[in-house]
Amino acid sequence: MKTLGVADAATILPELIDDVIAGNEILLTRDGDAVAKIVRYTRAKPSDAFGIDRGLMQIPPDFDDPLEEFKDYM
């Protein structure tokens, strides 16, 4: 991991981005203290939406039965 001061990093940012694309990590420091880390961005793999909640909900057997409150209207 490359360590670099913030002021120095500002002047060579395009080179640092090329380093990160190549797989390197860069630690930025200010007054000797680590303040930030530059790493390559990776997109999170989208989860499969279809069936994601399978098994979390159960439909009771009387789901389609008429409701007591509406018996007078049937």
N, C-alpha and C. Protein backbone atom coordinates (compact mmCIF):
# COMPACT_ATOMS: atom_id res chain seq x y z
N MET A 1 0.85 -1.17 0.00
CA MET A 1 0.00 0.00 0.00
C MET A 1 0.90 1.23 0.00
N LYS A 2 0.61 2.11 -0.90
CA LYS A 2 1.37 3.35 -1.02
C LYS A 2 0.81 4.37 -0.03
N THR A 3 1.68 5.10 0.67
CA THR A 3 1.27 6.14 1.60
C THR A 3 1.74 7.48 1.05
N LEU A 4 0.84 8.46 1.09
CA LEU A 4 1.11 9.73 0.46
C LEU A 4 0.41 10.84 1.23
N GLY A 5 1.05 12.01 1.30
CA GLY A 5 0.41 13.16 1.93
C GLY A 5 -0.69 13.71 1.03
N VAL A 6 -1.70 14.33 1.64
CA VAL A 6 -2.84 14.86 0.90
C VAL A 6 -2.38 15.90 -0.12
N ALA A 7 -1.49 16.79 0.27
CA ALA A 7 -1.02 17.84 -0.64
C ALA A 7 -0.30 17.24 -1.85
N ASP A 8 0.51 16.23 -1.61
CA ASP A 8 1.21 15.58 -2.71
C ASP A 8 0.24 14.83 -3.62
N ALA A 9 -0.77 14.22 -3.04
CA ALA A 9 -1.74 13.46 -3.82
C ALA A 9 -2.53 14.36 -4.75
N ALA A 10 -2.81 15.57 -4.32
CA ALA A 10 -3.60 16.49 -5.13
C ALA A 10 -2.90 16.82 -6.44
N THR A 11 -1.59 16.84 -6.43
CA THR A 11 -0.86 17.22 -7.64
C THR A 11 -0.70 16.07 -8.63
N ILE A 12 -0.84 14.83 -8.15
CA ILE A 12 -0.65 13.67 -9.05
C ILE A 12 -1.86 12.75 -9.06
N LEU A 13 -3.04 13.32 -8.91
CA LEU A 13 -4.26 12.51 -8.83
C LEU A 13 -4.45 11.59 -10.02
N PRO A 14 -4.25 12.03 -11.26
CA PRO A 14 -4.43 11.10 -12.38
C PRO A 14 -3.52 9.87 -12.29
N GLU A 15 -2.31 10.05 -11.83
CA GLU A 15 -1.39 8.92 -11.67
C GLU A 15 -1.88 7.99 -10.56
N LEU A 16 -2.41 8.56 -9.50
CA LEU A 16 -2.92 7.74 -8.40
C LEU A 16 -4.11 6.91 -8.86
N ILE A 17 -4.96 7.49 -9.67
CA ILE A 17 -6.11 6.76 -10.19
C ILE A 17 -5.64 5.59 -11.05
N ASP A 18 -4.61 5.80 -11.85
CA ASP A 18 -4.07 4.71 -12.64
C ASP A 18 -3.53 3.60 -11.75
N ASP A 19 -2.88 3.97 -10.64
CA ASP A 19 -2.38 2.97 -9.69
C ASP A 19 -3.52 2.17 -9.07
N VAL A 20 -4.60 2.86 -8.73
CA VAL A 20 -5.75 2.20 -8.12
C VAL A 20 -6.41 1.25 -9.12
N ILE A 21 -6.51 1.68 -10.37
CA ILE A 21 -7.08 0.81 -11.41
C ILE A 21 -6.24 -0.45 -11.57
N ALA A 22 -4.94 -0.31 -11.38
CA ALA A 22 -4.03 -1.46 -11.48
C ALA A 22 -4.13 -2.40 -10.28
N GLY A 23 -4.90 -2.00 -9.26
CA GLY A 23 -5.11 -2.88 -8.11
C GLY A 23 -4.41 -2.44 -6.84
N ASN A 24 -3.71 -1.32 -6.85
CA ASN A 24 -3.03 -0.84 -5.65
C ASN A 24 -3.96 -0.01 -4.78
N GLU A 25 -3.68 0.01 -3.49
CA GLU A 25 -4.41 0.87 -2.57
C GLU A 25 -3.49 2.00 -2.14
N ILE A 26 -4.08 3.16 -1.88
CA ILE A 26 -3.29 4.33 -1.50
C ILE A 26 -3.86 4.91 -0.21
N LEU A 27 -2.98 5.12 0.75
CA LEU A 27 -3.36 5.70 2.03
C LEU A 27 -2.94 7.16 2.03
N LEU A 28 -3.89 8.05 2.29
CA LEU A 28 -3.59 9.48 2.33
C LEU A 28 -3.42 9.92 3.77
N THR A 29 -2.40 10.74 4.01
CA THR A 29 -2.11 11.21 5.36
C THR A 29 -2.10 12.73 5.39
N ARG A 30 -2.39 13.26 6.55
CA ARG A 30 -2.27 14.69 6.80
C ARG A 30 -1.61 14.84 8.17
N ASP A 31 -0.50 15.53 8.18
CA ASP A 31 0.30 15.71 9.40
C ASP A 31 0.67 14.37 10.04
N GLY A 32 0.91 13.37 9.21
CA GLY A 32 1.34 12.07 9.70
C GLY A 32 0.21 11.14 10.11
N ASP A 33 -1.02 11.63 10.13
CA ASP A 33 -2.17 10.80 10.51
C ASP A 33 -2.92 10.35 9.26
N ALA A 34 -3.28 9.09 9.21
CA ALA A 34 -4.05 8.56 8.08
C ALA A 34 -5.44 9.19 8.10
N VAL A 35 -5.87 9.70 6.94
CA VAL A 35 -7.18 10.35 6.87
C VAL A 35 -8.10 9.72 5.82
N ALA A 36 -7.53 9.05 4.83
CA ALA A 36 -8.37 8.46 3.78
C ALA A 36 -7.61 7.33 3.10
N LYS A 37 -8.39 6.46 2.48
CA LYS A 37 -7.81 5.35 1.73
C LYS A 37 -8.49 5.31 0.37
N ILE A 38 -7.70 5.28 -0.68
CA ILE A 38 -8.24 5.20 -2.03
C ILE A 38 -8.13 3.75 -2.49
N VAL A 39 -9.28 3.18 -2.84
CA VAL A 39 -9.33 1.80 -3.32
C VAL A 39 -10.17 1.76 -4.58
N ARG A 40 -10.02 0.71 -5.34
CA ARG A 40 -10.78 0.56 -6.58
C ARG A 40 -12.25 0.34 -6.25
N TYR A 41 -13.11 1.00 -6.97
CA TYR A 41 -14.55 0.87 -6.80
C TYR A 41 -15.03 -0.37 -7.55
N THR A 42 -15.81 -1.19 -6.87
CA THR A 42 -16.43 -2.34 -7.51
C THR A 42 -17.92 -2.27 -7.27
N ARG A 43 -18.67 -2.51 -8.31
CA ARG A 43 -20.13 -2.49 -8.17
C ARG A 43 -20.58 -3.74 -7.42
N ALA A 44 -21.55 -3.55 -6.56
CA ALA A 44 -22.11 -4.69 -5.85
C ALA A 44 -22.95 -5.50 -6.83
N LYS A 45 -22.83 -6.81 -6.75
CA LYS A 45 -23.61 -7.68 -7.62
C LYS A 45 -25.07 -7.59 -7.20
N PRO A 46 -25.96 -7.27 -8.14
CA PRO A 46 -27.37 -7.19 -7.77
C PRO A 46 -27.89 -8.57 -7.37
N SER A 47 -28.69 -8.58 -6.35
CA SER A 47 -29.26 -9.86 -5.92
C SER A 47 -30.40 -10.24 -6.86
N ASP A 48 -30.69 -11.50 -6.95
CA ASP A 48 -31.79 -11.96 -7.77
C ASP A 48 -33.10 -11.58 -7.08
N ALA A 49 -33.86 -10.72 -7.71
CA ALA A 49 -35.09 -10.23 -7.09
C ALA A 49 -36.18 -11.30 -7.09
N PHE A 50 -36.23 -12.12 -8.13
CA PHE A 50 -37.29 -13.12 -8.21
C PHE A 50 -37.08 -14.20 -7.15
N GLY A 51 -38.04 -14.38 -6.30
CA GLY A 51 -37.98 -15.42 -5.28
C GLY A 51 -37.14 -15.08 -4.07
N ILE A 52 -36.77 -13.81 -3.92
CA ILE A 52 -35.87 -13.43 -2.82
C ILE A 52 -36.52 -13.63 -1.44
N ASP A 53 -37.86 -13.52 -1.38
CA ASP A 53 -38.56 -13.67 -0.11
C ASP A 53 -39.26 -15.01 0.04
N ARG A 54 -38.88 -15.96 -0.78
CA ARG A 54 -39.52 -17.27 -0.75
C ARG A 54 -39.40 -17.87 0.65
N GLY A 55 -40.55 -18.33 1.18
CA GLY A 55 -40.57 -18.98 2.48
C GLY A 55 -40.77 -18.02 3.65
N LEU A 56 -40.77 -16.72 3.42
CA LEU A 56 -40.93 -15.76 4.51
C LEU A 56 -42.39 -15.48 4.82
N MET A 57 -43.28 -15.83 3.91
CA MET A 57 -44.70 -15.53 4.11
C MET A 57 -45.52 -16.76 3.76
N GLN A 58 -46.55 -17.00 4.55
CA GLN A 58 -47.43 -18.12 4.26
C GLN A 58 -48.86 -17.61 4.13
N ILE A 59 -49.56 -18.10 3.13
CA ILE A 59 -50.94 -17.71 2.92
C ILE A 59 -51.83 -18.77 3.57
N PRO A 60 -52.72 -18.35 4.47
CA PRO A 60 -53.57 -19.33 5.16
C PRO A 60 -54.55 -19.98 4.18
N PRO A 61 -55.00 -21.20 4.48
CA PRO A 61 -55.89 -21.93 3.56
C PRO A 61 -57.23 -21.23 3.35
N ASP A 62 -57.68 -20.43 4.30
CA ASP A 62 -58.97 -19.75 4.16
C ASP A 62 -58.83 -18.34 3.56
N PHE A 63 -57.75 -18.09 2.87
CA PHE A 63 -57.47 -16.76 2.32
C PHE A 63 -58.58 -16.28 1.39
N ASP A 64 -59.11 -17.17 0.55
CA ASP A 64 -60.13 -16.77 -0.42
C ASP A 64 -61.56 -16.88 0.11
N ASP A 65 -61.74 -17.33 1.32
CA ASP A 65 -63.09 -17.46 1.89
C ASP A 65 -63.69 -16.07 2.11
N PRO A 66 -65.02 -15.96 1.96
CA PRO A 66 -65.68 -14.67 2.19
C PRO A 66 -65.50 -14.22 3.64
N LEU A 67 -65.41 -12.93 3.84
CA LEU A 67 -65.27 -12.38 5.18
C LEU A 67 -66.63 -12.32 5.86
N GLU A 68 -66.65 -12.54 7.17
CA GLU A 68 -67.89 -12.53 7.93
C GLU A 68 -68.61 -11.18 7.78
N GLU A 69 -67.88 -10.11 7.75
CA GLU A 69 -68.47 -8.77 7.70
C GLU A 69 -69.25 -8.53 6.40
N PHE A 70 -68.96 -9.30 5.34
CA PHE A 70 -69.59 -9.08 4.05
C PHE A 70 -70.60 -10.16 3.69
N LYS A 71 -70.94 -11.05 4.61
CA LYS A 71 -71.89 -12.12 4.34
C LYS A 71 -73.27 -11.56 3.93
N ASP A 72 -73.66 -10.42 4.51
CA ASP A 72 -74.97 -9.83 4.20
C ASP A 72 -75.03 -9.33 2.76
N TYR A 73 -73.90 -9.04 2.15
CA TYR A 73 -73.87 -8.50 0.80
C TYR A 73 -73.76 -9.57 -0.28
N MET A 74 -73.69 -10.83 0.10
CA MET A 74 -73.51 -11.88 -0.86
C MET A 74 -74.79 -12.65 -1.11
